[in-house]
Amino acid sequence: MSGILTAATGVFVIPLVPYLQSLKLAKDELIQALGLSFMLATVALSIRLGSVGSAGFKIDVTAQLIALLSSCLGLWFGTSIRSQLRPLQFQRALYGVFIFLGVAMVYRSLQQ
């Protein structure tokens, strides 16, 4: 069902996170499962988009380097605070980040 929702919407976070959370994994196992799943989904999406061969597609190396640096800083920050949070606090913080990202995406789409 998660795969069907992901394919239909193009968003792999919403069907995946509740499913992984329903497995009642320990905090570190959940983080590892989320990281691996997001990485695999992103790689699969990149391969698919690259295989389409869109005519006006240009690679922006500067934007890619900024995204890579941002993700590395985010990983470092997340790792440093993850060990200090209880599981319930971590879960609330994780969902808070997802809500923030969703609101930011909706706001940006309304601005265009």
C-alpha atoms as a PDB file:
ATOM      1  CA  MET A   1       0.000   0.000   0.000  1.00  0.00           C
ATOM      2  CA  SER A   2       2.899   2.337   0.794  1.00  0.00           C
ATOM      3  CA  GLY A   3       4.336   1.825  -2.685  1.00  0.00           C
ATOM      4  CA  ILE A   4       0.996   2.574  -4.326  1.00  0.00           C
ATOM      5  CA  LEU A   5       0.586   5.805  -2.329  1.00  0.00           C
ATOM      6  CA  THR A   6       4.150   6.841  -3.105  1.00  0.00           C
ATOM      7  CA  ALA A   7       3.739   6.185  -6.822  1.00  0.00           C
ATOM      8  CA  ALA A   8       0.414   8.016  -6.931  1.00  0.00           C
ATOM      9  CA  THR A   9       1.564  11.103  -5.030  1.00  0.00           C
ATOM     10  CA  GLY A  10       5.314  11.245  -5.573  1.00  0.00           C
ATOM     11  CA  VAL A  11       5.739  11.756  -1.817  1.00  0.00           C
ATOM     12  CA  PHE A  12       7.418   8.905   0.016  1.00  0.00           C
ATOM     13  CA  VAL A  13       7.482  10.400   3.532  1.00  0.00           C
ATOM     14  CA  ILE A  14       3.810  10.193   4.476  1.00  0.00           C
ATOM     15  CA  PRO A  15       3.136   6.526   3.704  1.00  0.00           C
ATOM     16  CA  LEU A  16       6.564   5.411   4.895  1.00  0.00           C
ATOM     17  CA  VAL A  17       6.928   7.071   8.290  1.00  0.00           C
ATOM     18  CA  PRO A  18       3.655   5.813   9.815  1.00  0.00           C
ATOM     19  CA  TYR A  19       4.389   2.323   8.492  1.00  0.00           C
ATOM     20  CA  LEU A  20       7.876   2.220   9.987  1.00  0.00           C
ATOM     21  CA  GLN A  21       6.559   3.648  13.228  1.00  0.00           C
ATOM     22  CA  SER A  22       3.884   0.947  13.412  1.00  0.00           C
ATOM     23  CA  LEU A  23       6.669  -1.634  13.524  1.00  0.00           C
ATOM     24  CA  LYS A  24       7.567  -0.342  17.024  1.00  0.00           C
ATOM     25  CA  LEU A  25      11.269  -0.102  16.259  1.00  0.00           C
ATOM     26  CA  ALA A  26      13.714   1.255  18.806  1.00  0.00           C
ATOM     27  CA  LYS A  27      14.715   4.893  18.281  1.00  0.00           C
ATOM     28  CA  ASP A  28      18.065   4.135  16.636  1.00  0.00           C
ATOM     29  CA  GLU A  29      16.557   1.385  14.479  1.00  0.00           C
ATOM     30  CA  LEU A  30      13.782   3.750  13.356  1.00  0.00           C
ATOM     31  CA  ILE A  31      16.321   6.423  12.422  1.00  0.00           C
ATOM     32  CA  GLN A  32      18.392   3.938  10.460  1.00  0.00           C
ATOM     33  CA  ALA A  33      15.315   2.563   8.681  1.00  0.00           C
ATOM     34  CA  LEU A  34      14.126   6.083   7.818  1.00  0.00           C
ATOM     35  CA  GLY A  35      17.549   7.097   6.562  1.00  0.00           C
ATOM     36  CA  LEU A  36      17.933   4.021   4.372  1.00  0.00           C
ATOM     37  CA  SER A  37      14.403   4.304   3.044  1.00  0.00           C
ATOM     38  CA  PHE A  38      14.731   8.005   2.216  1.00  0.00           C
ATOM     39  CA  MET A  39      18.084   7.420   0.560  1.00  0.00           C
ATOM     40  CA  LEU A  40      16.782   4.562  -1.571  1.00  0.00           C
ATOM     41  CA  ALA A  41      13.645   6.478  -2.529  1.00  0.00           C
ATOM     42  CA  THR A  42      15.690   9.539  -3.476  1.00  0.00           C
ATOM     43  CA  VAL A  43      18.132   7.487  -5.548  1.00  0.00           C
ATOM     44  CA  ALA A  44      15.248   5.718  -7.315  1.00  0.00           C
ATOM     45  CA  LEU A  45      13.570   9.052  -8.024  1.00  0.00           C
ATOM     46  CA  SER A  46      16.845  10.483  -9.360  1.00  0.00           C
ATOM     47  CA  ILE A  47      17.346   7.522 -11.665  1.00  0.00           C
ATOM     48  CA  ARG A  48      13.781   7.788 -12.911  1.00  0.00           C
ATOM     49  CA  LEU A  49      13.977  11.517 -13.520  1.00  0.00           C
ATOM     50  CA  GLY A  50      17.341  11.122 -15.218  1.00  0.00           C
ATOM     51  CA  SER A  51      15.986   8.433 -17.517  1.00  0.00           C
ATOM     52  CA  VAL A  52      13.143  10.651 -18.712  1.00  0.00           C
ATOM     53  CA  GLY A  53      15.616  12.913 -20.502  1.00  0.00           C
ATOM     54  CA  SER A  54      13.686  16.153 -20.252  1.00  0.00           C
ATOM     55  CA  ALA A  55      14.763  18.664 -22.889  1.00  0.00           C
ATOM     56  CA  GLY A  56      15.390  21.702 -20.698  1.00  0.00           C
ATOM     57  CA  PHE A  57      17.004  19.910 -17.768  1.00  0.00           C
ATOM     58  CA  LYS A  58      20.251  21.545 -16.617  1.00  0.00           C
ATOM     59  CA  ILE A  59      22.413  20.419 -13.755  1.00  0.00           C
ATOM     60  CA  ASP A  60      23.094  23.170 -11.212  1.00  0.00           C
ATOM     61  CA  VAL A  61      26.288  22.100  -9.449  1.00  0.00           C
ATOM     62  CA  THR A  62      26.201  25.022  -7.006  1.00  0.00           C
ATOM     63  CA  ALA A  63      22.687  24.122  -5.858  1.00  0.00           C
ATOM     64  CA  GLN A  64      23.710  20.481  -5.516  1.00  0.00           C
ATOM     65  CA  LEU A  65      26.720  21.394  -3.369  1.00  0.00           C
ATOM     66  CA  ILE A  66      24.579  23.635  -1.166  1.00  0.00           C
ATOM     67  CA  ALA A  67      22.037  20.816  -0.775  1.00  0.00           C
ATOM     68  CA  LEU A  68      24.810  18.337   0.071  1.00  0.00           C
ATOM     69  CA  LEU A  69      26.341  20.682   2.646  1.00  0.00           C
ATOM     70  CA  SER A  70      22.911  21.382   4.162  1.00  0.00           C
ATOM     71  CA  SER A  71      22.103  17.693   4.443  1.00  0.00           C
ATOM     72  CA  CYS A  72      25.460  16.943   6.089  1.00  0.00           C
ATOM     73  CA  LEU A  73      24.902  19.751   8.619  1.00  0.00           C
ATOM     74  CA  GLY A  74      21.386  18.466   9.243  1.00  0.00           C
ATOM     75  CA  LEU A  75      22.670  14.939   9.822  1.00  0.00           C
ATOM     76  CA  TRP A  76      25.282  16.199  12.255  1.00  0.00           C
ATOM     77  CA  PHE A  77      22.752  18.338  14.132  1.00  0.00           C
ATOM     78  CA  GLY A  78      20.159  15.565  14.225  1.00  0.00           C
ATOM     79  CA  THR A  79      22.665  13.039  15.513  1.00  0.00           C
ATOM     80  CA  SER A  80      23.833  15.371  18.258  1.00  0.00           C
ATOM     81  CA  ILE A  81      20.337  16.081  19.610  1.00  0.00           C
ATOM     82  CA  ARG A  82      18.876  12.622  19.007  1.00  0.00           C
ATOM     83  CA  SER A  83      20.839  11.095  21.875  1.00  0.00           C
ATOM     84  CA  GLN A  84      19.506  13.752  24.262  1.00  0.00           C
ATOM     85  CA  LEU A  85      15.792  13.280  23.485  1.00  0.00           C
ATOM     86  CA  ARG A  86      13.424  10.702  24.881  1.00  0.00           C
ATOM     87  CA  PRO A  87      11.578   8.663  22.223  1.00  0.00           C
ATOM     88  CA  LEU A  88       8.307  10.584  22.614  1.00  0.00           C
ATOM     89  CA  GLN A  89      10.103  13.935  22.366  1.00  0.00           C
ATOM     90  CA  PHE A  90      11.954  12.701  19.303  1.00  0.00           C
ATOM     91  CA  GLN A  91       8.717  11.554  17.670  1.00  0.00           C
ATOM     92  CA  ARG A  92       7.082  14.922  18.297  1.00  0.00           C
ATOM     93  CA  ALA A  93      10.120  16.781  16.959  1.00  0.00           C
ATOM     94  CA  LEU A  94      10.170  14.589  13.836  1.00  0.00           C
ATOM     95  CA  TYR A  95       6.498  15.210  13.112  1.00  0.00           C
ATOM     96  CA  GLY A  96       6.989  18.900  13.863  1.00  0.00           C
ATOM     97  CA  VAL A  97       9.677  19.085  11.196  1.00  0.00           C
ATOM     98  CA  PHE A  98       7.395  17.310   8.708  1.00  0.00           C
ATOM     99  CA  ILE A  99       4.553  19.722   9.478  1.00  0.00           C
ATOM    100  CA  PHE A 100       6.892  22.696   9.072  1.00  0.00           C
ATOM    101  CA  LEU A 101       8.130  21.408   5.714  1.00  0.00           C
ATOM    102  CA  GLY A 102       4.556  20.792   4.545  1.00  0.00           C
ATOM    103  CA  VAL A 103       3.441  24.288   5.533  1.00  0.00           C
ATOM    104  CA  ALA A 104       6.496  25.802   3.837  1.00  0.00           C
ATOM    105  CA  MET A 105       5.734  23.900   0.630  1.00  0.00           C
ATOM    106  CA  VAL A 106       2.092  25.004   0.651  1.00  0.00           C
ATOM    107  CA  TYR A 107       3.131  28.616   1.315  1.00  0.00           C
ATOM    108  CA  ARG A 108       5.623  28.565  -1.555  1.00  0.00           C
ATOM    109  CA  SER A 109       3.066  27.094  -3.927  1.00  0.00           C
ATOM    110  CA  LEU A 110       0.542  29.802  -3.014  1.00  0.00           C
ATOM    111  CA  GLN A 111       3.116  32.533  -3.677  1.00  0.00           C
ATOM    112  CA  GLN A 112       3.519  31.550  -7.318  1.00  0.00           C
END
